Amino acid sequence: MSWGQQLNNSWVPSSAEAQARNVVSIMISSWERNGECKPTNSRLSRTIRGSELPVLEQICQELAAAAQPFRRLEASQDQLRQLFKDNPFKLCLIEEKVTGPTATVYGCGTLVDLCQGPHLRHTGQIGGLKLLTNSSSVWRSPGPPETLQRVSGISFPTAEELRAWEEWREEAELRDHRRIGKEQELFFFHELSPGSCFFLPRGTRVYNALVAFIRAEYIHRGFSEVKTPTLFSAKLWEVSGHWAHYKEDMFALQPPGPQRDHPTSHPTDTLALKPMNCPAHCLMFTHRPRSWRELPLRLADFGALHRAEASGSLGGLTRLRCFQQDDAHIFCAPDQLEAEIRGCLDFLRSVYAVLGFSFRLALSTRPSGFLGEPCLWDQAEQVLQQALEEFGEPWDLNPGDGAFYGPKIDVHLRDALGRPHQCGTIQLDFQLPLRFDLQYKGQAGALERPVVIHRAILGSVERMLGVLAESCGGKWPLWLSPFQVVVIPVGPEQEDYAREVQQSLRAAGLVGDLDADSTLTLGRRVRRAQLANYNFQFVVGQKEQSSRTVNIRTRDNRRLGERDLTEAVGRLLELQNTRVPNAEEIF
């Protein structure tokens, strides 16, 4: 096969990550040819060690400096099989992915690889490159597991852009919620409960504050909180359609009894942990006759959800197998739909303003494999589009990215580092009312069918807590903070008064800790409190004890001076209840 068969000489720059993969592949091929590794069937005979990354990175840089061109060739399936006859992994990919008569391969130096492209014109367009990690990867195959190796890297057109990225990455690592969770003793994970989080007292304080915030909004916005079971018969999920579309992501089990010994038992004998609340809320709606006077009916649920996420996809609080959502479902009449969507969008904007997030909306429309009639989908999409246009915030269109039961509005927020996170969602559903035969008696006395709106603002409470931890870098706003106030007596003589101050804080519902370590100087204890990110330090000496006052400092070492104890506690309570982001500045 000659490279003279090349058919396409046009080149388009690829993403930084794709550039890195190209160069790393070339690097490994070069490394093998130099005799330092002896591959068998395209497998490396030993593991690449992390200590060898600098050597490999140097090889990458040399290849980049050589400005080696990327060449594109279109080959038939027979030619591809001949070209990769010694690589069983490539042969497997050819069988799975190459559905047409031809596919493209790319070459650089002596490396030839199966790839759709596009690539850079040549390696010299890579101005800055960094290898990051090496790890193992299991090849997906029906036979015995095959362990492969992965080297990850990133590249940029210029060295300056690489340095800027490294600075950003260093800041992101400092803000990693897993690091913050460990240092502040908020939560931890354990191998005996993979994919689940253990929230410690301080982390539970943050978690409960978030939930309390949403519950307070529910009162003002007419939502009723409910509790539903965690375990359901598979019959429920067959009715809802989830068993056909979502079964692989659910935890299923057989109930105890004789049916365990009979594999021919009907699948509806199976029980499953709920991955979402909507079918249970449909059962609540239909458990008795409903009237138009009850609509819109807004049901909210913080129940635990379980999803069978793959082990490799789990990552801190961002993706768990057990979590809670600020989940709600609105059952409304068709003529109430637009007003309810507007209310959901207003709810979302109000919450994100308090949390300090900017956001962008996206309308996700009918996917392949959707349920229901196209005309109902068209109607639903038009309603959501109209609501978005009236809302006045910028939005994007994501064709084909809707849920299988209805179109949705996805909410992408940005944290302090500019990273996007998909948390909230508003989904319209004409299918569940049909599948559960939901009905209510209309004003004319005839039975009518409601529409269901799926709505989450925080999304997963756990994920939102992780996003907030990274966004604020562990410097929690007062209303969320597990480190609101620490009381520091100047000497042992003031310790009793310091405990009285601590009790006043706790009686008001505030977090009040005490640092009476007499082995450290006052200055060192104040500094320790500031490094621990306590929003306020209440220092009490003989003068404060006599006048029943406290001397207040902030975590940024602003000295607010002496204040009456009762007034100070009252002011903190006011700042907490109003959920201000800058209590230290406006105290």
Protein backbone atom coordinates (compact mmCIF):
# COMPACT_ATOMS: atom_id res chain seq x y z
CA MET A 1 0.00 0.00 0.00
CA SER A 2 1.65 3.23 -1.13
CA TRP A 3 1.25 6.63 0.45
CA GLY A 4 1.02 7.82 -3.14
CA GLN A 5 -2.59 6.67 -2.90
CA GLN A 6 -3.33 9.62 -0.62
CA LEU A 7 -6.60 11.19 -1.72
CA ASN A 8 -7.03 14.25 0.44
CA ASN A 9 -4.44 16.97 1.01
CA SER A 10 -6.62 19.36 3.03
CA TRP A 11 -5.87 19.61 6.77
CA VAL A 12 -7.81 21.02 9.69
CA PRO A 13 -6.26 21.57 13.17
CA SER A 14 -7.61 19.14 15.76
CA SER A 15 -8.28 19.74 19.44
CA ALA A 16 -5.41 19.96 21.89
CA GLU A 17 -6.28 16.59 23.37
CA ALA A 18 -6.35 14.91 19.95
CA GLN A 19 -3.01 16.49 19.07
CA ALA A 20 -1.55 15.02 22.24
CA ARG A 21 -2.88 11.55 21.44
CA ASN A 22 -1.29 11.70 18.01
CA VAL A 23 2.12 12.66 19.32
CA VAL A 24 1.99 10.18 22.20
CA SER A 25 1.16 7.38 19.74
CA ILE A 26 4.12 8.36 17.56
CA MET A 27 6.32 8.56 20.63
CA ILE A 28 5.41 5.04 21.81
CA SER A 29 5.98 3.63 18.33
CA SER A 30 9.42 5.30 18.19
CA TRP A 31 10.23 4.07 21.68
CA GLU A 32 9.41 0.50 20.70
CA ARG A 33 11.49 0.68 17.50
CA ASN A 34 14.51 1.85 19.47
CA GLY A 35 14.52 -1.54 21.21
CA GLU A 36 13.71 -0.38 24.75
CA CYS A 37 10.46 -2.36 24.64
CA LYS A 38 9.69 -5.50 22.67
CA PRO A 39 6.03 -5.48 21.63
CA THR A 40 4.13 -8.68 21.04
CA ASN A 41 0.94 -8.42 18.98
CA SER A 42 1.19 -4.64 19.43
CA ARG A 43 1.23 -5.01 23.23
CA LEU A 44 4.08 -3.53 25.25
CA SER A 45 6.00 -6.24 27.08
CA ARG A 46 6.28 -4.22 30.28
CA THR A 47 4.49 -1.36 32.00
CA ILE A 48 5.55 2.22 31.35
CA ARG A 49 6.51 3.76 34.68
CA GLY A 50 5.59 7.25 35.79
CA SER A 51 9.28 8.04 36.24
CA GLU A 52 9.74 7.49 32.50
CA LEU A 53 7.26 10.19 31.45
CA PRO A 54 9.96 12.91 31.23
CA VAL A 55 11.95 10.70 28.82
CA LEU A 56 8.87 10.07 26.70
CA GLU A 57 7.99 13.75 26.79
CA GLN A 58 11.45 14.59 25.46
CA ILE A 59 10.87 12.16 22.57
CA CYS A 60 7.55 13.90 21.86
CA GLN A 61 9.25 17.29 21.81
CA GLU A 62 11.91 16.02 19.41
CA LEU A 63 9.21 14.68 17.10
CA ALA A 64 7.36 17.99 17.28
CA ALA A 65 10.54 19.91 16.45
CA ALA A 66 11.09 17.65 13.42
CA ALA A 67 7.83 18.94 11.88
CA GLN A 68 6.87 15.47 10.65
CA PRO A 69 3.82 15.64 8.37
CA PHE A 70 0.57 13.81 9.00
CA ARG A 71 -0.58 11.93 5.90
CA ARG A 72 -4.09 10.75 5.16
CA LEU A 73 -5.02 7.65 3.19
CA GLU A 74 -8.37 6.09 2.37
CA ALA A 75 -8.27 2.29 2.40
CA SER A 76 -10.70 -0.54 1.73
CA GLN A 77 -11.70 -2.97 4.46
CA ASP A 78 -9.45 -5.68 2.94
CA GLN A 79 -6.52 -3.28 2.88
CA LEU A 80 -7.19 -2.30 6.50
CA ARG A 81 -7.22 -5.93 7.62
CA GLN A 82 -3.94 -6.57 5.83
CA LEU A 83 -2.35 -3.40 7.23
CA PHE A 84 -3.31 -4.24 10.84
CA LYS A 85 -3.15 -8.04 10.61
CA ASP A 86 -0.79 -8.20 13.62
CA ASN A 87 -2.93 -5.95 15.82
CA PRO A 88 -6.02 -7.78 17.17
CA PHE A 89 -7.33 -4.58 18.80
CA LYS A 90 -7.35 -2.68 15.51
CA LEU A 91 -8.93 -5.65 13.76
CA CYS A 92 -11.70 -5.62 16.36
CA LEU A 93 -12.26 -1.90 15.81
CA ILE A 94 -12.38 -2.41 12.04
CA GLU A 95 -15.12 -5.02 12.46
CA GLU A 96 -17.09 -2.80 14.87
CA LYS A 97 -16.62 0.70 13.47
CA VAL A 98 -15.94 0.44 9.74
CA THR A 99 -19.39 0.05 8.25
CA GLY A 100 -18.69 1.55 4.81
CA PRO A 101 -16.52 0.20 2.00
CA THR A 102 -13.54 2.38 3.04
CA ALA A 103 -12.09 4.16 6.05
CA THR A 104 -9.22 6.54 6.69
CA VAL A 105 -5.80 5.87 8.18
CA TYR A 106 -3.22 8.47 9.10
CA GLY A 107 0.54 8.19 9.04
CA CYS A 108 3.32 10.16 10.69
CA GLY A 109 6.87 8.93 10.31
CA THR A 110 6.61 5.14 10.23
CA LEU A 111 3.46 5.05 12.37
CA VAL A 112 0.18 4.20 10.64
CA ASP A 113 -3.06 4.35 12.63
CA LEU A 114 -6.75 3.86 11.99
CA CYS A 115 -8.36 7.27 12.60
CA GLN A 116 -11.15 9.48 11.28
CA GLY A 117 -9.10 12.65 11.77
CA PRO A 118 -8.64 15.44 11.02
CA HIS A 119 -5.11 16.18 12.23
CA LEU A 120 -2.62 19.01 12.11
CA ARG A 121 -0.57 19.47 8.96
CA HIS A 122 2.61 18.52 10.79
CA THR A 123 3.94 18.04 14.33
CA GLY A 124 5.75 21.39 14.18
CA GLN A 125 2.42 23.12 14.79
CA ILE A 126 2.57 21.85 18.38
CA GLY A 127 4.33 24.59 20.33
CA GLY A 128 3.82 23.32 23.87
CA LEU A 129 3.34 19.75 25.06
CA LYS A 130 3.05 18.05 28.44
CA LEU A 131 2.62 14.37 29.34
CA LEU A 132 0.39 14.05 32.39
CA THR A 133 -0.27 10.48 33.53
CA ASN A 134 0.15 6.83 32.67
CA SER A 135 -2.42 4.20 33.63
CA SER A 136 -3.82 0.83 32.71
CA SER A 137 -6.97 0.32 30.69
CA VAL A 138 -9.04 -2.83 30.18
CA TRP A 139 -9.97 -3.64 26.58
CA ARG A 140 -13.70 -4.20 26.21
CA SER A 141 -14.14 -7.70 24.79
CA PRO A 142 -16.37 -10.73 25.44
CA GLY A 143 -13.34 -12.91 26.16
CA PRO A 144 -10.74 -12.71 28.95
CA PRO A 145 -9.89 -9.11 29.89
CA GLU A 146 -6.93 -7.59 28.04
CA THR A 147 -4.96 -4.94 29.91
CA LEU A 148 -3.64 -2.06 27.82
CA GLN A 149 -1.61 1.00 28.74
CA ARG A 150 -2.66 4.61 28.44
CA VAL A 151 -0.40 7.67 28.39
CA SER A 152 -2.32 10.95 28.64
CA GLY A 153 -1.05 14.33 27.56
CA ILE A 154 -2.09 17.73 26.32
CA SER A 155 -0.66 20.17 23.79
CA PHE A 156 -1.10 23.77 22.65
CA PRO A 157 -0.07 25.85 19.64
CA THR A 158 2.34 27.90 21.80
CA ALA A 159 4.44 27.42 24.92
CA GLU A 160 2.73 30.46 26.49
CA GLU A 161 -0.66 28.78 26.26
CA LEU A 162 0.79 25.66 27.87
CA ARG A 163 2.17 27.71 30.79
CA ALA A 164 -1.20 29.43 31.26
CA TRP A 165 -2.91 26.02 31.29
CA GLU A 166 -0.42 24.68 33.85
CA GLU A 167 -1.16 27.65 36.14
CA TRP A 168 -4.89 27.04 35.74
CA ARG A 169 -4.41 23.32 36.44
CA GLU A 170 -2.41 24.05 39.57
CA GLU A 171 -5.22 26.26 40.84
CA ALA A 172 -7.78 23.60 39.93
CA GLU A 173 -5.83 20.96 41.88
CA LEU A 174 -5.76 23.23 44.92
CA ARG A 175 -9.53 23.58 44.63
CA ASP A 176 -10.23 19.87 43.99
CA HIS A 177 -13.29 19.03 46.09
CA ARG A 178 -11.79 15.69 47.09
CA ARG A 179 -8.77 17.48 48.55
CA ILE A 180 -10.95 20.07 50.29
CA GLY A 181 -13.27 17.35 51.62
CA LYS A 182 -10.34 15.54 53.19
CA GLU A 183 -8.61 18.62 54.63
CA GLN A 184 -11.80 20.08 56.09
CA GLU A 185 -13.15 16.67 57.18
CA LEU A 186 -16.34 17.06 55.18
CA PHE A 187 -16.68 13.60 53.62
CA PHE A 188 -14.80 10.47 52.58
CA PHE A 189 -15.17 7.39 50.42
CA HIS A 190 -14.62 3.75 51.32
CA GLU A 191 -13.98 0.68 49.20
CA LEU A 192 -16.70 -1.20 51.09
CA SER A 193 -19.32 1.12 49.59
CA PRO A 194 -18.00 2.00 46.12
CA GLY A 195 -19.67 4.94 44.47
CA SER A 196 -21.22 6.24 47.70
CA CYS A 197 -20.16 9.07 49.98
CA PHE A 198 -19.83 9.21 53.77
CA PHE A 199 -20.68 12.73 54.94
CA LEU A 200 -19.02 13.70 58.21
CA PRO A 201 -20.64 16.24 60.59
CA ARG A 202 -19.11 19.27 58.88
CA GLY A 203 -20.02 18.02 55.42
CA THR A 204 -23.53 17.20 56.59
CA ARG A 205 -23.84 20.80 57.79
CA VAL A 206 -23.13 22.05 54.24
CA TYR A 207 -25.41 19.40 52.73
CA ASN A 208 -28.31 20.27 55.05
CA ALA A 209 -27.87 23.99 54.41
CA LEU A 210 -28.26 23.43 50.67
CA VAL A 211 -31.36 21.29 51.18
CA ALA A 212 -32.83 23.84 53.64
CA PHE A 213 -32.31 26.57 51.04
CA ILE A 214 -34.34 24.65 48.45
CA ARG A 215 -37.00 23.73 51.03
CA ALA A 216 -37.43 27.41 51.91
CA GLU A 217 -37.94 28.16 48.22
CA TYR A 218 -40.49 25.35 48.00
CA ILE A 219 -42.64 27.06 50.62
CA HIS A 220 -42.72 30.30 48.63
CA ARG A 221 -43.25 28.58 45.28
CA GLY A 222 -46.05 26.17 46.18
CA PHE A 223 -44.21 22.84 46.17
CA SER A 224 -45.24 20.00 48.48
CA GLU A 225 -42.50 17.68 49.69
CA VAL A 226 -43.20 13.93 49.64
CA LYS A 227 -41.37 10.71 50.46
CA THR A 228 -41.52 7.64 48.27
CA PRO A 229 -40.12 4.08 48.52
CA THR A 230 -36.64 3.18 47.32
CA LEU A 231 -37.38 -0.36 46.10
CA PHE A 232 -39.97 -1.13 43.41
CA SER A 233 -41.14 -4.06 41.33
CA ALA A 234 -39.78 -4.13 37.80
CA LYS A 235 -43.43 -3.90 36.72
CA LEU A 236 -43.33 -0.20 37.57
CA TRP A 237 -40.30 0.39 35.34
CA GLU A 238 -41.90 -1.61 32.52
CA VAL A 239 -44.92 0.68 32.65
CA SER A 240 -42.77 3.82 32.73
CA GLY A 241 -40.53 2.63 29.89
CA HIS A 242 -37.35 2.76 31.94
CA TRP A 243 -36.93 -1.03 31.94
CA ALA A 244 -36.54 -1.02 28.16
CA HIS A 245 -34.41 2.12 27.95
CA TYR A 246 -32.54 2.29 31.27
CA LYS A 247 -32.34 -1.26 32.63
CA GLU A 248 -28.54 -1.53 32.32
CA ASP A 249 -28.13 1.48 34.60
CA MET A 250 -30.35 0.11 37.38
CA PHE A 251 -29.60 -2.10 40.39
CA ALA A 252 -31.92 -5.10 40.20
CA LEU A 253 -32.33 -8.02 42.60
CA GLN A 254 -34.52 -11.05 43.16
CA PRO A 255 -36.64 -11.09 46.33
CA PRO A 256 -36.08 -13.94 48.79
CA GLY A 257 -38.21 -17.02 48.27
CA PRO A 258 -38.55 -20.09 46.05
CA GLN A 259 -38.43 -18.07 42.80
CA ARG A 260 -34.68 -17.70 43.30
CA ASP A 261 -34.31 -21.37 42.42
CA HIS A 262 -36.30 -21.00 39.21
CA PRO A 263 -34.49 -18.98 36.55
CA THR A 264 -37.62 -19.09 34.41
CA SER A 265 -39.45 -16.80 36.87
CA HIS A 266 -41.17 -13.91 35.17
CA PRO A 267 -38.92 -10.82 35.02
CA THR A 268 -41.62 -8.81 36.75
CA ASP A 269 -40.75 -10.71 39.93
CA THR A 270 -37.54 -8.67 39.90
CA LEU A 271 -37.14 -5.71 42.24
CA ALA A 272 -35.06 -2.62 41.41
CA LEU A 273 -33.73 0.37 43.32
CA LYS A 274 -35.17 3.56 41.91
CA PRO A 275 -32.82 5.62 39.71
CA MET A 276 -35.34 8.49 39.55
CA ASN A 277 -38.55 9.58 41.28
CA CYS A 278 -40.94 10.26 38.41
CA PRO A 279 -42.78 6.88 38.26
CA ALA A 280 -43.38 6.96 42.02
CA HIS A 281 -44.82 10.46 41.75
CA CYS A 282 -47.14 9.21 39.00
CA LEU A 283 -48.41 6.57 41.42
CA MET A 284 -49.04 9.34 43.95
CA PHE A 285 -51.02 11.34 41.41
CA THR A 286 -53.18 8.39 40.38
CA HIS A 287 -53.80 6.82 43.78
CA ARG A 288 -57.13 8.73 44.03
CA PRO A 289 -59.35 10.77 41.68
CA ARG A 290 -57.99 14.24 40.89
CA SER A 291 -59.76 17.49 40.07
CA TRP A 292 -58.69 20.46 37.95
CA ARG A 293 -58.83 22.50 41.17
CA GLU A 294 -55.72 20.65 42.45
CA LEU A 295 -53.59 21.63 39.45
CA PRO A 296 -50.83 22.48 39.14
CA LEU A 297 -49.72 19.80 41.63
CA ARG A 298 -46.03 20.27 42.46
CA LEU A 299 -44.44 17.28 44.21
CA ALA A 300 -40.84 17.49 45.48
CA ASP A 301 -38.71 14.58 46.69
CA PHE A 302 -35.20 14.33 48.20
CA GLY A 303 -35.26 10.51 48.23
CA ALA A 304 -32.05 8.52 47.69
CA LEU A 305 -31.49 7.41 44.08
CA HIS A 306 -29.27 4.57 42.89
CA ARG A 307 -27.70 4.22 39.44
CA ALA A 308 -25.34 1.45 38.29
CA GLU A 309 -22.55 3.70 37.08
CA ALA A 310 -19.46 1.95 35.68
CA SER A 311 -16.50 1.86 38.07
CA GLY A 312 -14.33 3.84 35.67
CA SER A 313 -16.82 6.71 35.51
CA LEU A 314 -16.96 7.28 39.29
CA GLY A 315 -15.15 10.41 40.45
CA GLY A 316 -15.54 12.01 43.85
CA LEU A 317 -18.91 13.70 44.28
CA THR A 318 -19.37 14.41 40.58
CA ARG A 319 -20.63 10.92 39.71
CA LEU A 320 -21.97 8.53 42.34
CA ARG A 321 -24.03 5.38 42.49
CA CYS A 322 -26.11 6.69 45.42
CA PHE A 323 -27.17 10.33 45.61
CA GLN A 324 -30.08 12.70 46.20
CA GLN A 325 -31.59 15.32 43.93
CA ASP A 326 -33.78 18.33 44.57
CA ASP A 327 -36.17 16.46 42.34
CA ALA A 328 -39.69 17.68 41.61
CA HIS A 329 -42.50 16.86 39.22
CA ILE A 330 -45.24 19.28 38.27
CA PHE A 331 -48.57 17.86 37.09
CA CYS A 332 -50.44 20.59 35.25
CA ALA A 333 -53.11 21.21 32.65
CA PRO A 334 -51.88 21.96 29.11
CA ASP A 335 -52.95 25.62 29.39
CA GLN A 336 -50.85 25.97 32.57
CA LEU A 337 -47.70 24.66 30.93
CA GLU A 338 -46.08 27.92 29.79
CA ALA A 339 -46.59 29.61 33.17
CA GLU A 340 -45.07 26.62 34.98
CA ILE A 341 -42.01 26.57 32.70
CA ARG A 342 -41.54 30.29 33.34
CA GLY A 343 -41.78 29.60 37.08
CA CYS A 344 -39.12 26.88 36.81
CA LEU A 345 -36.76 29.20 34.96
CA ASP A 346 -37.29 31.95 37.53
CA PHE A 347 -36.65 29.43 40.33
CA LEU A 348 -33.41 28.43 38.65
CA ARG A 349 -32.22 32.02 38.17
CA SER A 350 -32.97 32.92 41.80
CA VAL A 351 -31.05 29.95 43.23
CA TYR A 352 -28.02 30.34 40.97
CA ALA A 353 -27.82 34.05 41.82
CA VAL A 354 -27.51 33.18 45.52
CA LEU A 355 -24.91 30.51 44.76
CA GLY A 356 -22.93 32.95 42.62
CA PHE A 357 -23.09 31.02 39.35
CA SER A 358 -23.52 32.26 35.82
CA PHE A 359 -25.27 29.78 33.55
CA ARG A 360 -26.24 29.01 29.98
CA LEU A 361 -29.30 27.12 28.80
CA ALA A 362 -29.67 24.54 26.04
CA LEU A 363 -32.81 23.13 24.43
CA SER A 364 -32.34 19.41 23.76
CA THR A 365 -34.77 17.99 21.21
CA ARG A 366 -36.13 14.62 20.07
CA PRO A 367 -33.53 11.80 20.03
CA SER A 368 -33.57 8.64 17.97
CA GLY A 369 -35.45 5.95 19.87
CA PHE A 370 -37.92 8.44 21.37
CA LEU A 371 -41.28 7.36 22.81
CA GLY A 372 -44.57 8.78 21.60
CA GLU A 373 -45.93 10.60 18.59
CA PRO A 374 -43.80 13.14 16.68
CA CYS A 375 -46.64 15.68 16.83
CA LEU A 376 -46.54 15.66 20.65
CA TRP A 377 -42.78 16.16 20.57
CA ASP A 378 -43.14 19.08 18.19
CA GLN A 379 -45.71 20.67 20.50
CA ALA A 380 -43.49 20.19 23.56
CA GLU A 381 -40.41 21.60 21.86
CA GLN A 382 -42.34 24.68 20.73
CA VAL A 383 -43.50 25.35 24.30
CA LEU A 384 -39.96 25.14 25.67
CA GLN A 385 -38.54 27.29 22.89
CA GLN A 386 -41.15 29.97 23.50
CA ALA A 387 -40.39 29.97 27.24
CA LEU A 388 -36.65 30.30 26.58
CA GLU A 389 -37.15 33.21 24.21
CA GLU A 390 -39.32 35.01 26.77
CA PHE A 391 -36.84 34.28 29.58
CA GLY A 392 -34.29 36.57 27.96
CA GLU A 393 -31.12 34.57 28.71
CA PRO A 394 -28.92 33.19 25.90
CA TRP A 395 -29.56 29.58 24.96
CA ASP A 396 -28.30 26.96 22.52
CA LEU A 397 -29.97 24.21 20.54
CA ASN A 398 -28.86 20.58 21.05
CA PRO A 399 -30.67 18.58 18.35
CA GLY A 400 -31.32 14.94 19.24
CA ASP A 401 -30.07 15.22 22.85
CA GLY A 402 -33.44 15.06 24.63
CA ALA A 403 -34.56 12.30 27.00
CA PHE A 404 -36.40 9.36 25.43
CA TYR A 405 -39.68 10.58 26.99
CA GLY A 406 -39.53 14.29 26.16
CA PRO A 407 -37.49 17.39 25.25
CA LYS A 408 -35.62 19.24 27.96
CA ILE A 409 -33.82 22.42 28.95
CA ASP A 410 -30.34 21.62 30.24
CA VAL A 411 -28.62 24.09 32.52
CA HIS A 412 -24.84 24.53 32.28
CA LEU A 413 -23.36 26.65 35.06
CA ARG A 414 -19.80 27.96 35.28
CA ASP A 415 -17.71 27.91 38.44
CA ALA A 416 -15.00 30.31 39.61
CA LEU A 417 -12.46 28.69 37.25
CA GLY A 418 -14.78 28.99 34.26
CA ARG A 419 -15.45 25.25 34.07
CA PRO A 420 -18.91 24.15 32.87
CA HIS A 421 -21.10 21.82 34.95
CA GLN A 422 -24.45 20.34 33.94
CA CYS A 423 -26.60 20.33 37.09
CA GLY A 424 -30.15 21.58 36.73
CA THR A 425 -32.71 20.49 34.15
CA ILE A 426 -36.30 21.17 33.09
CA GLN A 427 -37.92 18.35 31.12
CA LEU A 428 -41.31 18.18 29.51
CA ASP A 429 -43.07 14.81 29.45
CA PHE A 430 -46.20 13.85 27.49
CA GLN A 431 -45.38 10.14 27.73
CA LEU A 432 -45.67 9.27 31.44
CA PRO A 433 -49.26 10.58 31.65
CA LEU A 434 -50.14 8.23 28.79
CA ARG A 435 -48.24 5.24 30.15
CA PHE A 436 -49.72 5.63 33.65
CA ASP A 437 -53.13 6.73 32.32
CA LEU A 438 -53.05 9.88 34.48
CA GLN A 439 -56.36 11.76 34.44
CA TYR A 440 -58.16 14.52 36.27
CA LYS A 441 -61.74 15.81 36.08
CA GLY A 442 -61.77 19.05 34.10
CA GLN A 443 -63.99 22.09 34.64
CA ALA A 444 -66.57 20.68 32.21
CA GLY A 445 -66.70 17.40 34.12
CA ALA A 446 -64.88 15.33 31.48
CA LEU A 447 -61.69 13.43 32.21
CA GLU A 448 -58.56 15.16 30.88
CA ARG A 449 -54.89 14.25 30.80
CA PRO A 450 -52.22 16.31 32.58
CA VAL A 451 -48.72 17.14 31.40
CA VAL A 452 -45.67 16.34 33.57
CA ILE A 453 -42.68 18.64 34.05
CA HIS A 454 -39.50 17.09 35.50
CA ARG A 455 -37.52 19.77 37.32
CA ALA A 456 -34.23 19.91 39.25
CA ILE A 457 -32.33 23.08 40.20
CA LEU A 458 -29.31 21.81 42.11
CA GLY A 459 -29.49 18.45 40.39
CA SER A 460 -27.53 16.00 42.49
CA VAL A 461 -27.03 17.65 45.90
CA GLU A 462 -23.73 15.80 46.23
CA ARG A 463 -22.45 17.03 42.88
CA MET A 464 -23.52 20.60 43.63
CA LEU A 465 -21.69 20.45 46.97
CA GLY A 466 -18.54 19.39 45.12
CA VAL A 467 -18.93 22.16 42.54
CA LEU A 468 -19.43 24.74 45.31
CA ALA A 469 -16.39 23.48 47.24
CA GLU A 470 -14.19 23.95 44.19
CA SER A 471 -15.77 27.25 43.21
CA CYS A 472 -15.17 28.85 46.61
CA GLY A 473 -11.89 27.00 47.16
CA GLY A 474 -12.98 25.89 50.63
CA LYS A 475 -13.78 29.46 51.71
CA TRP A 476 -17.46 28.82 52.27
CA PRO A 477 -19.95 31.68 52.45
CA LEU A 478 -21.28 32.11 55.99
CA TRP A 479 -24.68 30.53 55.35
CA LEU A 480 -23.11 27.30 54.04
CA SER A 481 -19.96 27.31 56.13
CA PRO A 482 -19.06 24.48 58.52
CA PHE A 483 -16.54 26.93 60.03
CA GLN A 484 -18.66 29.96 60.91
CA VAL A 485 -17.11 31.13 64.20
CA VAL A 486 -14.32 29.99 66.49
CA VAL A 487 -14.12 31.49 69.98
CA ILE A 488 -10.56 32.09 71.22
CA PRO A 489 -9.93 32.98 74.89
CA VAL A 490 -6.80 35.05 75.51
CA GLY A 491 -5.93 33.00 78.58
CA PRO A 492 -7.25 30.20 80.81
CA GLU A 493 -9.05 32.79 82.95
CA GLN A 494 -11.40 33.58 80.06
CA GLU A 495 -12.17 29.98 79.09
CA ASP A 496 -15.46 29.83 81.01
CA TYR A 497 -16.67 33.02 79.31
CA ALA A 498 -15.50 31.67 75.94
CA ARG A 499 -17.63 28.57 76.48
CA GLU A 500 -20.59 30.80 77.29
CA VAL A 501 -20.04 32.66 74.01
CA GLN A 502 -19.84 29.34 72.17
CA GLN A 503 -23.12 28.22 73.72
CA SER A 504 -24.81 31.49 72.66
CA LEU A 505 -23.76 30.85 69.08
CA ARG A 506 -25.00 27.28 69.09
CA ALA A 507 -28.30 28.23 70.73
CA ALA A 508 -28.90 30.59 67.80
CA GLY A 509 -28.30 27.77 65.30
CA LEU A 510 -24.81 28.92 64.33
CA VAL A 511 -21.61 26.86 64.13
CA GLY A 512 -19.46 27.81 67.12
CA ASP A 513 -16.16 26.10 67.93
CA LEU A 514 -13.69 26.75 70.72
CA ASP A 515 -9.88 26.94 70.61
CA ALA A 516 -8.66 27.07 74.22
CA ASP A 517 -5.24 25.49 73.52
CA SER A 518 -3.12 27.31 76.09
CA THR A 519 0.10 25.80 74.66
CA LEU A 520 -0.16 28.16 71.68
CA THR A 521 0.04 31.93 71.71
CA LEU A 522 -3.04 33.98 70.87
CA GLY A 523 -1.50 35.01 67.55
CA ARG A 524 -0.88 31.42 66.51
CA ARG A 525 -4.42 30.36 67.38
CA VAL A 526 -5.87 33.27 65.41
CA ARG A 527 -3.68 32.34 62.45
CA ARG A 528 -4.69 28.70 62.73
CA ALA A 529 -8.36 29.71 62.61
CA GLN A 530 -7.78 31.86 59.54
CA LEU A 531 -5.94 29.08 57.72
CA ALA A 532 -8.85 26.75 58.58
CA ASN A 533 -11.13 29.31 56.86
CA TYR A 534 -13.29 30.19 59.86
CA ASN A 535 -15.42 33.09 58.67
CA PHE A 536 -15.03 34.88 62.02
CA GLN A 537 -12.90 34.65 65.13
CA PHE A 538 -14.34 35.90 68.41
CA VAL A 539 -11.41 36.76 70.69
CA VAL A 540 -12.27 37.24 74.36
CA GLY A 541 -9.93 38.63 77.01
CA GLN A 542 -10.43 40.16 80.44
CA LYS A 543 -11.95 43.34 78.99
CA GLU A 544 -14.46 41.45 76.84
CA GLN A 545 -15.36 39.18 79.73
CA SER A 546 -16.09 42.15 81.99
CA SER A 547 -18.24 43.96 79.42
CA ARG A 548 -19.80 40.82 77.88
CA THR A 549 -18.47 41.65 74.44
CA VAL A 550 -16.37 39.89 71.78
CA ASN A 551 -13.47 41.19 69.67
CA ILE A 552 -14.12 40.14 66.08
CA ARG A 553 -11.71 39.28 63.27
CA THR A 554 -12.41 37.74 59.85
CA ARG A 555 -10.61 34.96 58.01
CA ASP A 556 -8.93 37.63 55.86
CA ASN A 557 -7.61 39.26 59.07
CA ARG A 558 -9.92 42.26 58.97
CA ARG A 559 -10.31 43.55 62.51
CA LEU A 560 -13.91 44.55 63.16
CA GLY A 561 -13.31 45.50 66.77
CA GLU A 562 -15.30 45.00 69.93
CA ARG A 563 -19.03 44.24 69.70
CA ASP A 564 -21.75 43.40 72.18
CA LEU A 565 -22.20 39.62 72.32
CA THR A 566 -25.96 39.63 71.82
CA GLU A 567 -25.73 42.10 68.94
CA ALA A 568 -22.90 40.12 67.30
CA VAL A 569 -24.86 36.85 67.42
CA GLY A 570 -27.96 38.59 66.08
CA ARG A 571 -26.02 40.11 63.19
CA LEU A 572 -24.51 36.74 62.28
CA LEU A 573 -27.94 35.15 62.32
CA GLU A 574 -29.27 37.88 60.03
CA LEU A 575 -26.40 37.41 57.57
CA GLN A 576 -26.88 33.64 57.60
CA ASN A 577 -30.62 33.83 56.98
CA THR A 578 -30.23 36.27 54.08
CA ARG A 579 -27.56 34.01 52.51
CA VAL A 580 -25.23 36.85 51.55
CA PRO A 581 -21.99 35.85 49.81
CA ASN A 582 -19.78 38.41 51.61
CA ALA A 583 -20.75 38.39 55.30
CA GLU A 584 -17.18 39.20 56.35
CA GLU A 585 -17.21 42.45 54.36
CA ILE A 586 -20.62 43.74 55.44
CA PHE A 587 -20.72 42.56 59.07
